[in-house]
Amino acid sequence: MIKRGKRLYLPAAKIRSQVRSGGLYAYPREKSIRRFKDEVRQRTRRRASLATEQLIEALNPLLRGWGEYYKRAHVRKLFNQLDRWIVRRIWSHRFRRWRNCGWKQLPESVLYGQFGLVNLIGLIPSLASSTR
């Protein structure tokens, strides 16, 4: 979806359309975000009897595919929110509760490092080069 925003301005060289008044930027539709979150919810149900490694192996193709598709859009804030939400979903699956002390027993560094969870923010090309 192409939106016109007052706060976000792109240089004239980046705008590919003939309309140059205001900043144009791409952003995923609400329906697409909702469907992505529903798919993550389905895979991280608390009743599913999967180990954390198996759960992350099942989630990674979904995260990588959706992130690669939308990484060129204006999604830095959205990807950051989704990354935090996905980690909380994994904690709730692992410890069977939404509010818990999962961050103490299974911190984000272990999820991203040891288990290899896909980080959506790391897929954005401008940020990927600075984090490596």
Protein backbone atom coordinates (compact mmCIF):
# COMPACT_ATOMS: atom_id res chain seq x y z
CA MET A 1 0.00 0.00 0.00
CA ILE A 2 1.32 3.46 -0.83
CA LYS A 3 0.56 6.15 1.72
CA ARG A 4 1.16 9.87 1.79
CA GLY A 5 2.56 11.16 5.03
CA LYS A 6 3.30 14.53 6.56
CA ARG A 7 6.02 13.32 8.91
CA LEU A 8 7.94 11.16 6.49
CA TYR A 9 9.51 12.84 3.49
CA LEU A 10 11.51 11.06 0.86
CA PRO A 11 14.05 12.74 -1.39
CA ALA A 12 12.80 13.48 -4.89
CA ALA A 13 15.09 10.81 -6.34
CA LYS A 14 13.41 8.09 -4.25
CA ILE A 15 9.83 8.90 -5.36
CA ARG A 16 9.09 6.89 -8.50
CA SER A 17 5.69 8.36 -9.30
CA GLN A 18 4.93 11.69 -10.97
CA VAL A 19 3.33 13.08 -7.80
CA ARG A 20 6.00 14.88 -5.78
CA SER A 21 3.92 16.75 -3.23
CA GLY A 22 4.42 15.15 0.17
CA GLY A 23 6.29 12.01 1.12
CA LEU A 24 5.14 8.74 -0.39
CA TYR A 25 6.01 5.48 1.28
CA ALA A 26 4.97 1.85 1.20
CA TYR A 27 3.45 0.17 4.25
CA PRO A 28 1.80 -3.27 4.73
CA ARG A 29 -1.98 -3.31 4.84
CA GLU A 30 -3.71 -3.91 8.17
CA LYS A 31 -5.22 -7.09 6.75
CA SER A 32 -1.78 -8.45 5.91
CA ILE A 33 -0.47 -7.67 9.40
CA ARG A 34 -3.55 -9.26 10.96
CA ARG A 35 -3.16 -12.44 8.87
CA PHE A 36 0.53 -12.67 9.78
CA LYS A 37 -0.24 -12.34 13.49
CA ASP A 38 -3.02 -14.93 13.21
CA GLU A 39 -0.59 -17.39 11.62
CA VAL A 40 1.96 -16.79 14.42
CA ARG A 41 -0.81 -17.24 17.01
CA GLN A 42 -1.83 -20.52 15.42
CA ARG A 43 1.74 -21.85 15.50
CA THR A 44 2.41 -20.69 19.09
CA ARG A 45 -0.69 -22.04 20.78
CA ARG A 46 -0.03 -23.00 24.37
CA ARG A 47 -1.61 -26.43 23.92
CA ALA A 48 0.81 -27.41 21.13
CA SER A 49 3.33 -29.82 22.60
CA LEU A 50 6.52 -28.66 20.89
CA ALA A 51 9.95 -28.01 22.30
CA THR A 52 11.25 -24.47 21.93
CA GLU A 53 13.70 -25.52 19.19
CA GLN A 54 10.92 -27.17 17.18
CA LEU A 55 8.65 -24.18 17.62
CA ILE A 56 11.33 -21.80 16.36
CA GLU A 57 12.06 -24.11 13.40
CA ALA A 58 8.36 -23.96 12.50
CA LEU A 59 8.20 -20.16 12.91
CA ASN A 60 11.37 -19.22 11.03
CA PRO A 61 10.12 -19.84 7.45
CA LEU A 62 7.02 -17.74 8.14
CA LEU A 63 9.03 -14.90 9.69
CA ARG A 64 11.69 -14.94 6.99
CA GLY A 65 9.15 -15.02 4.15
CA TRP A 66 6.98 -12.21 5.49
CA GLY A 67 9.99 -10.12 6.48
CA GLU A 68 11.73 -10.53 3.12
CA TYR A 69 8.54 -9.50 1.32
CA TYR A 70 8.00 -6.29 3.31
CA LYS A 71 11.59 -5.33 4.15
CA ARG A 72 11.71 -2.58 1.48
CA ALA A 73 8.68 -0.79 2.92
CA HIS A 74 8.61 1.70 5.79
CA VAL A 75 8.45 -0.99 8.51
CA ARG A 76 11.18 -0.32 11.04
CA LYS A 77 8.77 0.49 13.86
CA LEU A 78 6.37 -2.30 12.84
CA PHE A 79 9.14 -4.92 12.68
CA ASN A 80 10.39 -3.85 16.11
CA GLN A 81 6.90 -4.24 17.58
CA LEU A 82 6.40 -7.60 15.89
CA ASP A 83 9.79 -8.88 17.08
CA ARG A 84 8.90 -8.10 20.69
CA TRP A 85 5.42 -9.59 20.27
CA ILE A 86 6.80 -12.82 18.77
CA VAL A 87 9.25 -13.24 21.66
CA ARG A 88 6.38 -12.81 24.14
CA ARG A 89 4.36 -15.41 22.20
CA ILE A 90 7.26 -17.88 22.44
CA TRP A 91 7.55 -17.24 26.18
CA SER A 92 3.80 -17.78 26.62
CA HIS A 93 4.03 -21.05 24.66
CA ARG A 94 7.01 -22.24 26.67
CA PHE A 95 5.76 -21.30 30.12
CA ARG A 96 1.99 -21.60 29.42
CA ARG A 97 1.21 -18.04 30.51
CA TRP A 98 1.25 -14.60 28.92
CA ARG A 99 2.67 -12.71 31.87
CA ASN A 100 5.52 -14.68 33.28
CA CYS A 101 9.22 -14.68 34.09
CA GLY A 102 10.19 -16.19 30.74
CA TRP A 103 12.57 -13.34 30.10
CA LYS A 104 14.70 -14.56 33.01
CA GLN A 105 14.84 -18.24 31.99
CA LEU A 106 14.83 -17.75 28.20
CA PRO A 107 16.19 -14.28 27.35
CA GLU A 108 16.07 -12.80 23.85
CA SER A 109 19.80 -13.30 23.39
CA VAL A 110 19.32 -17.07 23.77
CA LEU A 111 16.33 -17.11 21.40
CA TYR A 112 18.14 -15.16 18.67
CA GLY A 113 21.62 -16.59 19.30
CA GLN A 114 21.39 -20.20 20.39
CA PHE A 115 18.02 -21.16 18.88
CA GLY A 116 18.39 -19.04 15.72
CA LEU A 117 15.08 -17.17 15.77
CA VAL A 118 14.74 -14.87 12.74
CA ASN A 119 14.96 -11.21 13.73
CA LEU A 120 12.69 -9.13 11.49
CA ILE A 121 14.69 -5.95 12.14
CA GLY A 122 17.82 -7.74 10.93
CA LEU A 123 16.18 -8.33 7.54
CA ILE A 124 15.96 -4.61 6.71
CA PRO A 125 18.92 -3.95 4.35
CA SER A 126 19.91 -0.56 5.79
CA LEU A 127 19.98 -1.94 9.34
CA ALA A 128 21.41 -5.37 8.54
CA SER A 129 24.76 -3.95 7.46
CA SER A 130 25.13 -1.91 10.65
CA THR A 131 24.25 -4.79 13.02
CA ARG A 132 26.71 -7.30 11.54
